[in-house]
């Protein structure tokens, strides 16, 4: 049974308020957006319809106003969702990544100290690269207490496959400042490395970031 069938009223609103929208799955995110304009039952029907016809949210990048009108059968709401897609396209086209070609873990570690070092909450960041180590994109995958059972490789590789990435790196911060990898950190790294070998997408490094320093698992020999 789909979990969407058993969502209590305002469940997704509460989840966003507590964990941010980054914690929502693709189905939950689309459901949440539809619920701003439709009932729960209608939203579920629309989400089921979308994922029956399309494999992922990535297809929304190509949705036009006509596509939304056909999908929703509602001209007014189609205009709203078409505008959301256009906003996402414009935002994406104007983003400028702070890294170009990556030459070393030191370069990434120092860059991420500025981005993550002062965070009071743990964040897991994914960097996807081509076969020349050119950074294709970077995304925060998870926020909260990191646990290897909570960070599923599927989320990592869904994003990497979107860019046809050849390699990837992950990084997270330790608000305590202690850079030593925990057992959860090591288990997650091993899991991602094994999954990457199967997928043909190499894990280059897992970097732990502190307030003013970093630890590279490749430099430490944890990743060979």
N, C-alpha and C. Protein backbone atom coordinates (compact mmCIF):
# COMPACT_ATOMS: atom_id res chain seq x y z
N UNK A 1 0.85 -1.20 0.00
CA UNK A 1 0.00 0.00 0.00
C UNK A 1 0.88 1.24 0.00
N UNK A 2 0.54 2.18 -0.83
CA UNK A 2 1.30 3.43 -0.91
C UNK A 2 1.17 4.21 0.39
N UNK A 3 2.28 4.78 0.84
CA UNK A 3 2.24 5.58 2.05
C UNK A 3 1.34 6.80 1.91
N UNK A 4 1.19 7.27 0.67
CA UNK A 4 0.35 8.45 0.46
C UNK A 4 -1.09 8.15 0.85
N UNK A 5 -1.49 6.86 0.81
CA UNK A 5 -2.84 6.50 1.20
C UNK A 5 -3.09 6.75 2.67
N UNK A 6 -2.03 6.75 3.49
CA UNK A 6 -2.23 6.83 4.92
C UNK A 6 -1.66 8.11 5.53
N UNK A 7 -1.32 9.09 4.71
CA UNK A 7 -0.85 10.35 5.26
C UNK A 7 -1.97 11.00 6.06
N UNK A 8 -1.76 11.32 7.33
CA UNK A 8 -2.78 12.07 8.06
C UNK A 8 -2.83 13.50 7.54
N UNK A 9 -3.90 14.16 7.81
CA UNK A 9 -4.08 15.55 7.37
C UNK A 9 -2.93 16.40 7.90
N UNK A 10 -2.36 17.23 7.02
CA UNK A 10 -1.27 18.15 7.35
C UNK A 10 0.04 17.44 7.68
N UNK A 11 0.15 16.15 7.36
CA UNK A 11 1.39 15.41 7.62
C UNK A 11 2.58 16.04 6.88
N UNK A 12 2.39 16.31 5.60
CA UNK A 12 3.49 16.85 4.81
C UNK A 12 3.84 18.27 5.24
N UNK A 13 2.83 19.04 5.61
CA UNK A 13 3.08 20.40 6.11
C UNK A 13 3.96 20.33 7.36
N UNK A 14 3.64 19.38 8.24
CA UNK A 14 4.41 19.23 9.48
C UNK A 14 5.83 18.75 9.18
N UNK A 15 5.96 17.87 8.20
CA UNK A 15 7.29 17.35 7.85
C UNK A 15 8.17 18.45 7.29
N UNK A 16 7.59 19.29 6.44
CA UNK A 16 8.34 20.42 5.87
C UNK A 16 8.76 21.38 6.98
N UNK A 17 7.82 21.66 7.91
CA UNK A 17 8.10 22.59 9.00
C UNK A 17 9.22 22.08 9.90
N UNK A 18 9.28 20.77 10.09
CA UNK A 18 10.27 20.18 11.00
C UNK A 18 11.61 19.92 10.33
N UNK A 19 11.57 19.42 9.09
CA UNK A 19 12.81 18.97 8.46
C UNK A 19 13.19 19.76 7.21
N UNK A 20 12.33 20.65 6.72
CA UNK A 20 12.47 21.40 5.48
C UNK A 20 12.00 20.53 4.30
N UNK A 21 11.71 21.16 3.19
CA UNK A 21 11.21 20.45 2.02
C UNK A 21 12.23 19.49 1.44
N UNK A 22 13.52 19.66 1.79
CA UNK A 22 14.56 18.76 1.30
C UNK A 22 14.36 17.33 1.82
N UNK A 23 13.59 17.19 2.90
CA UNK A 23 13.36 15.86 3.48
C UNK A 23 12.26 15.09 2.76
N UNK A 24 11.53 15.75 1.87
CA UNK A 24 10.43 15.08 1.17
C UNK A 24 10.95 14.22 0.03
N UNK A 25 10.33 13.08 -0.18
CA UNK A 25 10.61 12.28 -1.37
C UNK A 25 10.01 12.99 -2.58
N UNK A 26 10.32 12.51 -3.77
CA UNK A 26 9.75 13.12 -4.98
C UNK A 26 8.23 13.06 -4.96
N UNK A 27 7.68 11.92 -4.56
CA UNK A 27 6.22 11.78 -4.50
C UNK A 27 5.62 12.73 -3.47
N UNK A 28 6.28 12.82 -2.32
CA UNK A 28 5.78 13.70 -1.26
C UNK A 28 5.84 15.16 -1.70
N UNK A 29 6.92 15.55 -2.37
CA UNK A 29 7.07 16.93 -2.80
C UNK A 29 5.97 17.31 -3.79
N UNK A 30 5.72 16.44 -4.75
CA UNK A 30 4.67 16.73 -5.73
C UNK A 30 3.30 16.73 -5.06
N UNK A 31 3.10 15.81 -4.14
CA UNK A 31 1.84 15.77 -3.40
C UNK A 31 1.64 17.06 -2.61
N UNK A 32 2.70 17.50 -1.94
CA UNK A 32 2.62 18.73 -1.15
C UNK A 32 2.24 19.93 -2.01
N UNK A 33 2.83 20.03 -3.18
CA UNK A 33 2.51 21.15 -4.07
C UNK A 33 1.06 21.07 -4.56
N UNK A 34 0.63 19.88 -4.93
CA UNK A 34 -0.75 19.73 -5.39
C UNK A 34 -1.74 20.04 -4.26
N UNK A 35 -1.39 19.68 -3.02
CA UNK A 35 -2.31 19.89 -1.90
C UNK A 35 -2.52 21.37 -1.58
N UNK A 36 -1.68 22.24 -2.14
CA UNK A 36 -1.90 23.67 -1.97
C UNK A 36 -3.08 24.16 -2.82
N UNK A 37 -3.52 23.30 -3.77
CA UNK A 37 -4.58 23.69 -4.69
C UNK A 37 -5.72 22.67 -4.79
N UNK A 38 -5.47 21.45 -4.28
CA UNK A 38 -6.47 20.40 -4.40
C UNK A 38 -6.64 19.68 -3.06
N UNK A 39 -7.69 18.89 -2.97
CA UNK A 39 -7.90 18.06 -1.79
C UNK A 39 -6.84 16.96 -1.74
N UNK A 40 -6.74 16.30 -0.58
CA UNK A 40 -5.77 15.21 -0.44
C UNK A 40 -6.04 14.10 -1.45
N UNK A 41 -7.30 13.72 -1.58
CA UNK A 41 -7.65 12.63 -2.50
C UNK A 41 -7.32 13.00 -3.95
N UNK A 42 -7.67 14.23 -4.33
CA UNK A 42 -7.39 14.68 -5.69
C UNK A 42 -5.87 14.76 -5.92
N UNK A 43 -5.14 15.23 -4.92
CA UNK A 43 -3.68 15.33 -5.04
C UNK A 43 -3.06 13.95 -5.23
N UNK A 44 -3.54 12.98 -4.45
CA UNK A 44 -3.03 11.62 -4.58
C UNK A 44 -3.29 11.08 -5.99
N UNK A 45 -4.49 11.34 -6.50
CA UNK A 45 -4.83 10.87 -7.85
C UNK A 45 -3.89 11.47 -8.89
N UNK A 46 -3.60 12.76 -8.74
CA UNK A 46 -2.72 13.43 -9.70
C UNK A 46 -1.29 12.90 -9.61
N UNK A 47 -0.82 12.67 -8.40
CA UNK A 47 0.53 12.13 -8.22
C UNK A 47 0.63 10.73 -8.80
N UNK A 48 -0.37 9.90 -8.51
CA UNK A 48 -0.38 8.54 -9.07
C UNK A 48 -0.38 8.59 -10.60
N UNK A 49 -1.18 9.50 -11.14
CA UNK A 49 -1.26 9.65 -12.59
C UNK A 49 0.09 10.08 -13.17
N UNK A 50 0.75 11.04 -12.50
CA UNK A 50 2.03 11.53 -13.01
C UNK A 50 3.07 10.41 -13.05
N UNK A 51 3.22 9.70 -11.93
CA UNK A 51 4.28 8.68 -11.87
C UNK A 51 3.92 7.42 -12.65
N UNK A 52 2.68 7.30 -13.05
CA UNK A 52 2.31 6.22 -13.95
C UNK A 52 2.75 6.54 -15.37
N UNK A 53 2.72 7.83 -15.71
CA UNK A 53 3.06 8.26 -17.06
C UNK A 53 4.54 8.63 -17.22
N UNK A 54 5.15 9.05 -16.12
CA UNK A 54 6.54 9.54 -16.19
C UNK A 54 7.38 8.88 -15.11
N UNK A 55 8.65 8.72 -15.39
CA UNK A 55 9.55 8.01 -14.47
C UNK A 55 9.99 8.85 -13.29
N UNK A 56 10.13 10.15 -13.48
CA UNK A 56 10.67 10.99 -12.40
C UNK A 56 10.21 12.43 -12.57
N UNK A 57 10.48 13.24 -11.54
CA UNK A 57 10.15 14.66 -11.59
C UNK A 57 10.94 15.40 -12.66
N UNK A 58 12.02 14.78 -13.12
CA UNK A 58 12.84 15.42 -14.15
C UNK A 58 12.07 15.77 -15.40
N UNK A 59 10.99 15.03 -15.66
CA UNK A 59 10.20 15.29 -16.86
C UNK A 59 9.48 16.65 -16.78
N UNK A 60 9.31 17.16 -15.57
CA UNK A 60 8.64 18.45 -15.43
C UNK A 60 9.45 19.59 -16.07
N UNK A 61 10.74 19.36 -16.24
CA UNK A 61 11.58 20.38 -16.90
C UNK A 61 11.07 20.69 -18.30
N UNK A 62 10.41 19.71 -18.91
CA UNK A 62 9.96 19.87 -20.30
C UNK A 62 8.46 20.14 -20.40
N UNK A 63 7.79 20.25 -19.24
CA UNK A 63 6.35 20.52 -19.25
C UNK A 63 6.09 21.97 -19.68
N UNK A 64 5.21 22.13 -20.65
CA UNK A 64 4.79 23.46 -21.09
C UNK A 64 3.41 23.75 -20.50
N UNK A 65 2.94 24.96 -20.74
CA UNK A 65 1.60 25.31 -20.29
C UNK A 65 0.57 24.36 -20.89
N UNK A 66 0.75 24.01 -22.15
CA UNK A 66 -0.17 23.08 -22.81
C UNK A 66 -0.16 21.71 -22.12
N UNK A 67 1.03 21.26 -21.74
CA UNK A 67 1.14 19.97 -21.05
C UNK A 67 0.40 20.01 -19.72
N UNK A 68 0.54 21.10 -18.99
CA UNK A 68 -0.15 21.22 -17.70
C UNK A 68 -1.65 21.30 -17.89
N UNK A 69 -2.08 22.02 -18.91
CA UNK A 69 -3.52 22.11 -19.18
C UNK A 69 -4.10 20.74 -19.49
N UNK A 70 -3.36 19.96 -20.24
CA UNK A 70 -3.81 18.61 -20.58
C UNK A 70 -3.80 17.71 -19.35
N UNK A 71 -2.77 17.84 -18.54
CA UNK A 71 -2.62 16.98 -17.37
C UNK A 71 -3.65 17.30 -16.29
N UNK A 72 -3.88 18.58 -16.04
CA UNK A 72 -4.76 18.99 -14.95
C UNK A 72 -6.20 19.23 -15.37
N UNK A 73 -6.39 19.48 -16.67
CA UNK A 73 -7.73 19.83 -17.17
C UNK A 73 -8.29 21.03 -16.41
N UNK A 74 -7.43 21.98 -16.14
CA UNK A 74 -7.82 23.17 -15.37
C UNK A 74 -6.87 24.30 -15.79
N UNK A 75 -7.36 25.22 -16.59
CA UNK A 75 -6.51 26.25 -17.17
C UNK A 75 -5.86 27.15 -16.12
N UNK A 76 -6.63 27.54 -15.09
CA UNK A 76 -6.08 28.44 -14.07
C UNK A 76 -4.95 27.80 -13.29
N UNK A 77 -5.18 26.57 -12.83
CA UNK A 77 -4.14 25.89 -12.05
C UNK A 77 -2.97 25.47 -12.95
N UNK A 78 -3.25 25.20 -14.21
CA UNK A 78 -2.18 24.87 -15.14
C UNK A 78 -1.22 26.04 -15.26
N UNK A 79 -1.74 27.26 -15.27
CA UNK A 79 -0.90 28.46 -15.37
C UNK A 79 0.01 28.58 -14.14
N UNK A 80 -0.52 28.23 -12.96
CA UNK A 80 0.29 28.29 -11.74
C UNK A 80 1.45 27.31 -11.80
N UNK A 81 1.16 26.06 -12.17
CA UNK A 81 2.22 25.05 -12.18
C UNK A 81 3.20 25.26 -13.33
N UNK A 82 2.73 25.78 -14.43
CA UNK A 82 3.64 26.11 -15.53
C UNK A 82 4.59 27.22 -15.10
N UNK A 83 4.09 28.16 -14.30
CA UNK A 83 4.94 29.25 -13.81
C UNK A 83 5.98 28.73 -12.83
N UNK A 84 5.62 27.74 -12.00
CA UNK A 84 6.58 27.12 -11.09
C UNK A 84 7.72 26.47 -11.87
N UNK A 85 7.36 25.77 -12.94
CA UNK A 85 8.38 25.13 -13.78
C UNK A 85 9.29 26.16 -14.43
N UNK A 86 8.70 27.25 -14.89
CA UNK A 86 9.49 28.31 -15.52
C UNK A 86 10.43 28.95 -14.51
N UNK A 87 9.94 29.14 -13.29
CA UNK A 87 10.78 29.69 -12.22
C UNK A 87 11.99 28.78 -11.99
N UNK A 88 11.74 27.46 -11.92
CA UNK A 88 12.82 26.50 -11.69
C UNK A 88 13.83 26.53 -12.83
N UNK A 89 13.33 26.64 -14.07
CA UNK A 89 14.24 26.69 -15.22
C UNK A 89 15.12 27.93 -15.19
N UNK A 90 14.52 29.06 -14.86
CA UNK A 90 15.30 30.31 -14.82
C UNK A 90 16.32 30.29 -13.68
N UNK A 91 15.89 29.77 -12.54
CA UNK A 91 16.81 29.69 -11.40
C UNK A 91 18.00 28.80 -11.74
N UNK A 92 17.71 27.68 -12.37
CA UNK A 92 18.77 26.73 -12.73
C UNK A 92 19.74 27.36 -13.73
N UNK A 93 19.21 28.09 -14.71
CA UNK A 93 20.06 28.67 -15.75
C UNK A 93 20.96 29.77 -15.20
N UNK A 94 20.57 30.39 -14.08
CA UNK A 94 21.34 31.50 -13.53
C UNK A 94 22.29 31.07 -12.42
N UNK A 95 22.20 29.80 -12.00
CA UNK A 95 23.09 29.35 -10.95
C UNK A 95 24.51 29.25 -11.46
N UNK A 96 25.45 29.67 -10.65
CA UNK A 96 26.85 29.56 -11.01
C UNK A 96 27.55 28.73 -9.95
N UNK A 97 28.06 27.58 -10.34
CA UNK A 97 28.75 26.73 -9.39
C UNK A 97 30.07 27.36 -8.99
N UNK A 98 30.43 27.16 -7.76
CA UNK A 98 31.64 27.79 -7.23
C UNK A 98 32.91 27.02 -7.55
N UNK A 99 32.74 25.81 -8.05
CA UNK A 99 33.90 25.01 -8.43
C UNK A 99 33.81 24.65 -9.89
N UNK A 100 34.92 24.60 -10.56
CA UNK A 100 34.95 24.14 -11.94
C UNK A 100 35.51 22.73 -11.95
N UNK A 101 36.68 22.58 -12.53
CA UNK A 101 37.31 21.26 -12.54
C UNK A 101 37.99 21.03 -11.20
N UNK A 102 37.75 19.85 -10.64
CA UNK A 102 38.28 19.53 -9.33
C UNK A 102 39.61 18.80 -9.49
N UNK A 103 40.63 19.31 -8.83
CA UNK A 103 41.96 18.72 -8.95
C UNK A 103 42.40 17.96 -7.70
N UNK A 104 41.78 18.25 -6.55
CA UNK A 104 42.21 17.58 -5.33
C UNK A 104 41.13 17.62 -4.28
N UNK A 105 41.21 16.69 -3.32
CA UNK A 105 40.30 16.70 -2.19
C UNK A 105 40.53 17.93 -1.32
N UNK A 106 41.77 18.42 -1.28
CA UNK A 106 42.10 19.61 -0.50
C UNK A 106 41.30 20.80 -1.00
N UNK A 107 41.20 20.93 -2.29
CA UNK A 107 40.45 22.03 -2.90
C UNK A 107 38.99 21.97 -2.47
N UNK A 108 38.40 20.78 -2.53
CA UNK A 108 37.00 20.61 -2.15
C UNK A 108 36.82 20.81 -0.65
N UNK A 109 37.74 20.23 0.14
CA UNK A 109 37.64 20.35 1.59
C UNK A 109 37.67 21.80 2.05
N UNK A 110 38.58 22.58 1.51
CA UNK A 110 38.68 23.99 1.90
C UNK A 110 37.45 24.78 1.45
N UNK A 111 36.95 24.44 0.28
CA UNK A 111 35.74 25.09 -0.22
C UNK A 111 34.55 24.80 0.70
N UNK A 112 34.43 23.53 1.13
CA UNK A 112 33.28 23.14 1.93
C UNK A 112 33.37 23.60 3.38
N UNK A 113 34.57 23.89 3.86
CA UNK A 113 34.69 24.47 5.20
C UNK A 113 33.90 25.77 5.26
N UNK A 114 34.00 26.57 4.19
CA UNK A 114 33.28 27.84 4.14
C UNK A 114 31.77 27.62 4.05
N UNK A 115 31.38 26.55 3.36
CA UNK A 115 29.96 26.28 3.15
C UNK A 115 29.30 25.58 4.33
N UNK A 116 30.04 24.66 4.98
CA UNK A 116 29.42 23.80 5.99
C UNK A 116 30.02 23.95 7.39
N UNK A 117 31.21 24.51 7.47
CA UNK A 117 31.93 24.50 8.74
C UNK A 117 31.20 25.09 9.91
N UNK A 118 30.40 26.12 9.68
CA UNK A 118 29.73 26.80 10.78
C UNK A 118 28.33 26.25 11.06
N UNK A 119 27.88 25.28 10.26
CA UNK A 119 26.54 24.73 10.46
C UNK A 119 26.43 24.00 11.79
N UNK A 120 25.33 24.21 12.48
CA UNK A 120 25.08 23.55 13.75
C UNK A 120 24.35 22.22 13.57
N UNK A 121 23.91 21.97 12.35
CA UNK A 121 23.22 20.73 12.03
C UNK A 121 24.01 19.99 10.96
N UNK A 122 24.07 18.66 11.08
CA UNK A 122 24.80 17.89 10.08
C UNK A 122 24.09 17.97 8.73
N UNK A 123 24.87 18.14 7.68
CA UNK A 123 24.35 18.17 6.31
C UNK A 123 25.21 17.25 5.44
N UNK A 124 24.56 16.50 4.58
CA UNK A 124 25.27 15.66 3.63
C UNK A 124 25.15 16.29 2.25
N UNK A 125 26.28 16.58 1.63
CA UNK A 125 26.33 17.23 0.33
C UNK A 125 26.86 16.25 -0.70
N UNK A 126 26.25 16.25 -1.86
CA UNK A 126 26.67 15.40 -2.97
C UNK A 126 27.23 16.28 -4.08
N UNK A 127 28.39 15.89 -4.61
CA UNK A 127 28.98 16.55 -5.77
C UNK A 127 29.09 15.52 -6.88
N UNK A 128 28.55 15.83 -8.05
CA UNK A 128 28.62 14.90 -9.18
C UNK A 128 29.54 15.48 -10.24
N UNK A 129 30.36 14.59 -10.85
CA UNK A 129 31.40 15.03 -11.77
C UNK A 129 31.38 14.19 -13.03
N UNK A 130 31.95 14.76 -14.11
CA UNK A 130 32.10 14.00 -15.34
C UNK A 130 33.43 13.26 -15.30
N UNK A 131 33.79 12.63 -16.42
CA UNK A 131 35.01 11.81 -16.42
C UNK A 131 36.29 12.64 -16.46
N UNK A 132 36.15 13.98 -16.53
CA UNK A 132 37.31 14.87 -16.45
C UNK A 132 37.34 15.61 -15.12
N UNK A 133 36.51 15.13 -14.18
CA UNK A 133 36.40 15.74 -12.85
C UNK A 133 35.85 17.17 -12.89
N UNK A 134 35.09 17.46 -13.93
CA UNK A 134 34.41 18.75 -13.99
C UNK A 134 33.13 18.64 -13.17
N UNK A 135 32.95 19.56 -12.23
CA UNK A 135 31.78 19.53 -11.38
C UNK A 135 30.53 19.84 -12.20
N UNK A 136 29.58 18.92 -12.18
CA UNK A 136 28.32 19.09 -12.91
C UNK A 136 27.26 19.76 -12.06
N UNK A 137 27.21 19.40 -10.79
CA UNK A 137 26.24 20.02 -9.88
C UNK A 137 26.56 19.57 -8.46
N UNK A 138 25.95 20.27 -7.53
CA UNK A 138 26.14 19.99 -6.11
C UNK A 138 24.80 20.14 -5.41
N UNK A 139 24.49 19.23 -4.51
CA UNK A 139 23.18 19.26 -3.88
C UNK A 139 23.27 18.78 -2.44
N UNK A 140 22.52 19.44 -1.54
CA UNK A 140 22.38 18.94 -0.18
C UNK A 140 21.34 17.83 -0.20
N UNK A 141 21.77 16.63 0.18
CA UNK A 141 20.93 15.45 0.09
C UNK A 141 20.17 15.21 1.39
N UNK A 142 20.79 15.56 2.52
CA UNK A 142 20.19 15.20 3.81
C UNK A 142 20.61 16.22 4.86
N UNK A 143 19.68 16.52 5.78
CA UNK A 143 19.99 17.35 6.94
C UNK A 143 19.48 16.65 8.18
N UNK A 144 20.30 16.61 9.21
CA UNK A 144 19.92 15.94 10.44
C UNK A 144 21.05 15.05 10.90
N UNK A 145 20.76 14.19 11.87
CA UNK A 145 21.77 13.26 12.36
C UNK A 145 21.99 12.17 11.33
N UNK A 146 23.20 12.10 10.79
CA UNK A 146 23.47 11.16 9.70
C UNK A 146 23.55 9.74 10.23
N UNK A 147 22.88 8.86 9.52
CA UNK A 147 22.90 7.44 9.83
C UNK A 147 22.89 6.70 8.51
N UNK A 148 23.73 5.68 8.40
CA UNK A 148 23.84 4.97 7.13
C UNK A 148 22.50 4.38 6.69
N UNK A 149 21.62 4.09 7.65
CA UNK A 149 20.32 3.51 7.30
C UNK A 149 19.36 4.57 6.78
N UNK A 150 19.63 5.85 7.06
CA UNK A 150 18.75 6.93 6.64
C UNK A 150 19.12 7.51 5.28
N UNK A 151 20.40 7.44 4.96
CA UNK A 151 20.88 7.97 3.68
C UNK A 151 20.93 6.81 2.69
N UNK A 152 19.92 6.73 1.85
CA UNK A 152 19.83 5.60 0.93
C UNK A 152 20.61 5.90 -0.35
N UNK A 153 21.41 4.95 -0.83
CA UNK A 153 22.16 5.18 -2.08
C UNK A 153 21.26 5.58 -3.24
N UNK A 154 20.01 5.17 -3.21
CA UNK A 154 19.09 5.51 -4.31
C UNK A 154 19.02 7.01 -4.53
N UNK A 155 18.97 7.80 -3.44
CA UNK A 155 18.89 9.25 -3.57
C UNK A 155 20.15 9.80 -4.22
N UNK A 156 21.29 9.23 -3.83
CA UNK A 156 22.57 9.67 -4.39
C UNK A 156 22.63 9.39 -5.88
N UNK A 157 22.30 8.16 -6.26
CA UNK A 157 22.49 7.75 -7.65
C UNK A 157 21.38 8.26 -8.57
N UNK A 158 20.20 8.52 -8.03
CA UNK A 158 19.17 9.16 -8.84
C UNK A 158 19.67 10.52 -9.34
N UNK A 159 20.31 11.26 -8.44
CA UNK A 159 20.82 12.58 -8.80
C UNK A 159 22.00 12.45 -9.75
N UNK A 160 22.90 11.49 -9.48
CA UNK A 160 24.08 11.30 -10.34
C UNK A 160 23.67 10.88 -11.75
N UNK A 161 22.68 10.00 -11.85
CA UNK A 161 22.25 9.53 -13.17
C UNK A 161 21.58 10.64 -13.97
N UNK A 162 20.98 11.58 -13.28
CA UNK A 162 20.35 12.71 -13.98
C UNK A 162 21.36 13.47 -14.82
N UNK A 163 22.62 13.46 -14.37
CA UNK A 163 23.68 14.18 -15.07
C UNK A 163 24.62 13.25 -15.84
N UNK A 164 24.29 11.97 -15.88
CA UNK A 164 25.17 10.97 -16.49
C UNK A 164 26.58 11.10 -15.90
N UNK A 165 26.64 11.25 -14.59
CA UNK A 165 27.91 11.47 -13.90
C UNK A 165 28.79 10.22 -13.99
N UNK A 166 30.09 10.45 -14.07
CA UNK A 166 31.06 9.35 -14.08
C UNK A 166 31.61 9.11 -12.68
N UNK A 167 31.60 10.16 -11.85
CA UNK A 167 32.17 10.08 -10.51
C UNK A 167 31.33 10.94 -9.57
N UNK A 168 31.52 10.70 -8.29
CA UNK A 168 30.84 11.55 -7.31
C UNK A 168 31.65 11.62 -6.03
N UNK A 169 31.39 12.66 -5.27
CA UNK A 169 31.99 12.83 -3.95
C UNK A 169 30.86 13.17 -2.98
N UNK A 170 30.99 12.76 -1.74
CA UNK A 170 30.05 13.18 -0.72
C UNK A 170 30.84 13.87 0.39
N UNK A 171 30.17 14.74 1.09
CA UNK A 171 30.81 15.44 2.21
C UNK A 171 29.75 15.75 3.25
N UNK A 172 30.16 15.72 4.50
CA UNK A 172 29.24 16.18 5.54
C UNK A 172 30.05 16.82 6.66
N UNK A 173 29.38 17.60 7.46
CA UNK A 173 30.05 18.32 8.53
C UNK A 173 29.84 17.65 9.87
N UNK A 174 30.81 17.83 10.76
CA UNK A 174 30.70 17.42 12.15
C UNK A 174 30.65 18.69 13.00
N UNK A 175 29.47 19.10 13.45
CA UNK A 175 29.37 20.33 14.24
C UNK A 175 30.24 20.31 15.49
N UNK A 176 30.56 19.13 16.01
CA UNK A 176 31.40 19.02 17.20
C UNK A 176 32.83 19.46 16.93
N UNK A 177 33.24 19.43 15.66
CA UNK A 177 34.61 19.75 15.31
C UNK A 177 35.52 18.54 15.29
N UNK A 178 35.06 17.40 15.82
CA UNK A 178 35.84 16.16 15.79
C UNK A 178 35.71 15.53 14.42
N UNK A 179 36.81 15.44 13.70
CA UNK A 179 36.75 14.99 12.31
C UNK A 179 36.85 13.47 12.15
N UNK A 180 37.06 12.75 13.23
CA UNK A 180 37.20 11.30 13.10
C UNK A 180 35.90 10.67 12.62
N UNK A 181 35.97 9.81 11.58
CA UNK A 181 34.74 9.19 11.06
C UNK A 181 34.11 8.28 12.11
N UNK A 182 32.80 8.36 12.24
CA UNK A 182 32.07 7.46 13.13
C UNK A 182 31.86 6.13 12.42
N UNK A 183 31.37 5.15 13.15
CA UNK A 183 31.05 3.87 12.53
C UNK A 183 29.97 4.04 11.46
N UNK A 184 29.02 4.95 11.72
CA UNK A 184 27.99 5.24 10.72
C UNK A 184 28.60 5.85 9.47
N UNK A 185 29.57 6.75 9.66
CA UNK A 185 30.24 7.38 8.51
C UNK A 185 30.94 6.32 7.67
N UNK A 186 31.63 5.39 8.33
CA UNK A 186 32.38 4.36 7.62
C UNK A 186 31.43 3.39 6.91
N UNK A 187 30.33 3.05 7.59
CA UNK A 187 29.36 2.12 6.99
C UNK A 187 28.71 2.74 5.76
N UNK A 188 28.37 4.04 5.86
CA UNK A 188 27.75 4.72 4.74
C UNK A 188 28.73 4.81 3.56
N UNK A 189 30.00 5.09 3.85
CA UNK A 189 31.02 5.18 2.81
C UNK A 189 31.19 3.85 2.08
N UNK A 190 31.26 2.79 2.85
CA UNK A 190 31.42 1.46 2.25
C UNK A 190 30.22 1.11 1.38
N UNK A 191 29.04 1.45 1.88
CA UNK A 191 27.81 1.16 1.12
C UNK A 191 27.78 1.93 -0.19
N UNK A 192 28.14 3.21 -0.15
CA UNK A 192 28.15 4.03 -1.36
C UNK A 192 29.23 3.57 -2.34
N UNK A 193 30.37 3.16 -1.80
CA UNK A 193 31.46 2.69 -2.66
C UNK A 193 31.04 1.41 -3.38
N UNK A 194 30.41 0.50 -2.67
CA UNK A 194 29.97 -0.75 -3.28
C UNK A 194 28.89 -0.50 -4.32
N UNK A 195 27.94 0.38 -3.98
CA UNK A 195 26.87 0.70 -4.93
C UNK A 195 27.44 1.38 -6.17
N UNK A 196 28.43 2.25 -5.97
CA UNK A 196 29.06 2.94 -7.09
C UNK A 196 29.77 1.98 -8.03
N UNK A 197 30.39 0.95 -7.47
CA UNK A 197 31.06 -0.04 -8.30
C UNK A 197 30.06 -0.79 -9.17
N UNK A 198 28.89 -1.08 -8.60
CA UNK A 198 27.85 -1.76 -9.36
C UNK A 198 27.29 -0.85 -10.46
N UNK A 199 27.10 0.42 -10.11
CA UNK A 199 26.50 1.37 -11.05
C UNK A 199 27.50 1.90 -12.07
N UNK A 200 28.78 1.70 -11.82
CA UNK A 200 29.79 2.26 -12.72
C UNK A 200 30.00 3.74 -12.51
N UNK A 201 29.72 4.22 -11.30
CA UNK A 201 29.92 5.63 -10.94
C UNK A 201 30.82 5.65 -9.72
N UNK A 202 32.05 6.07 -9.89
CA UNK A 202 33.08 5.93 -8.86
C UNK A 202 32.93 6.95 -7.73
N UNK A 203 33.01 6.46 -6.50
CA UNK A 203 33.08 7.35 -5.34
C UNK A 203 34.52 7.83 -5.20
N UNK A 204 34.75 9.10 -5.46
CA UNK A 204 36.11 9.65 -5.38
C UNK A 204 36.54 9.90 -3.94
N UNK A 205 35.60 10.41 -3.13
CA UNK A 205 36.00 10.75 -1.76
C UNK A 205 34.77 10.98 -0.90
N UNK A 206 34.97 10.82 0.40
CA UNK A 206 33.99 11.23 1.40
C UNK A 206 34.74 12.15 2.34
N UNK A 207 34.33 13.40 2.39
CA UNK A 207 35.03 14.42 3.15
C UNK A 207 34.21 14.81 4.38
N UNK A 208 34.87 14.86 5.52
CA UNK A 208 34.23 15.33 6.75
C UNK A 208 34.77 16.72 7.05
N UNK A 209 33.84 17.64 7.30
CA UNK A 209 34.21 19.05 7.46
C UNK A 209 33.98 19.50 8.90
N UNK A 210 34.96 20.21 9.44
CA UNK A 210 34.82 20.83 10.76
C UNK A 210 34.77 22.33 10.64
N UNK A 211 34.96 23.01 11.76
CA UNK A 211 34.89 24.48 11.76
C UNK A 211 35.98 25.11 10.90
N UNK A 212 37.17 24.54 10.95
CA UNK A 212 38.28 25.14 10.21
C UNK A 212 39.22 24.09 9.63
N UNK A 213 38.74 22.85 9.50
CA UNK A 213 39.58 21.80 8.96
C UNK A 213 38.69 20.75 8.31
N UNK A 214 39.32 19.78 7.65
CA UNK A 214 38.56 18.72 7.00
C UNK A 214 39.35 17.43 7.06
N UNK A 215 38.66 16.34 6.86
CA UNK A 215 39.30 15.03 6.74
C UNK A 215 38.83 14.38 5.46
N UNK A 216 39.76 13.95 4.63
CA UNK A 216 39.46 13.25 3.39
C UNK A 216 39.68 11.75 3.60
N UNK A 217 38.63 10.97 3.37
CA UNK A 217 38.77 9.52 3.55
C UNK A 217 39.70 8.92 2.49
N UNK A 218 39.81 9.54 1.34
CA UNK A 218 40.77 9.05 0.36
C UNK A 218 42.20 9.35 0.81
N UNK A 219 42.43 10.56 1.30
CA UNK A 219 43.75 10.90 1.79
C UNK A 219 44.16 10.03 2.97
N UNK A 220 43.17 9.60 3.78
CA UNK A 220 43.45 8.76 4.94
C UNK A 220 43.56 7.29 4.58
N UNK A 221 43.30 6.95 3.31
CA UNK A 221 43.40 5.57 2.88
C UNK A 221 42.18 4.71 3.18
N UNK A 222 41.10 5.35 3.65
CA UNK A 222 39.86 4.62 3.92
C UNK A 222 39.19 4.24 2.60
N UNK A 223 39.28 5.16 1.64
CA UNK A 223 38.84 4.88 0.26
C UNK A 223 40.09 4.69 -0.59
N UNK A 224 40.18 3.58 -1.26
CA UNK A 224 41.38 3.30 -2.08
C UNK A 224 41.12 3.63 -3.55
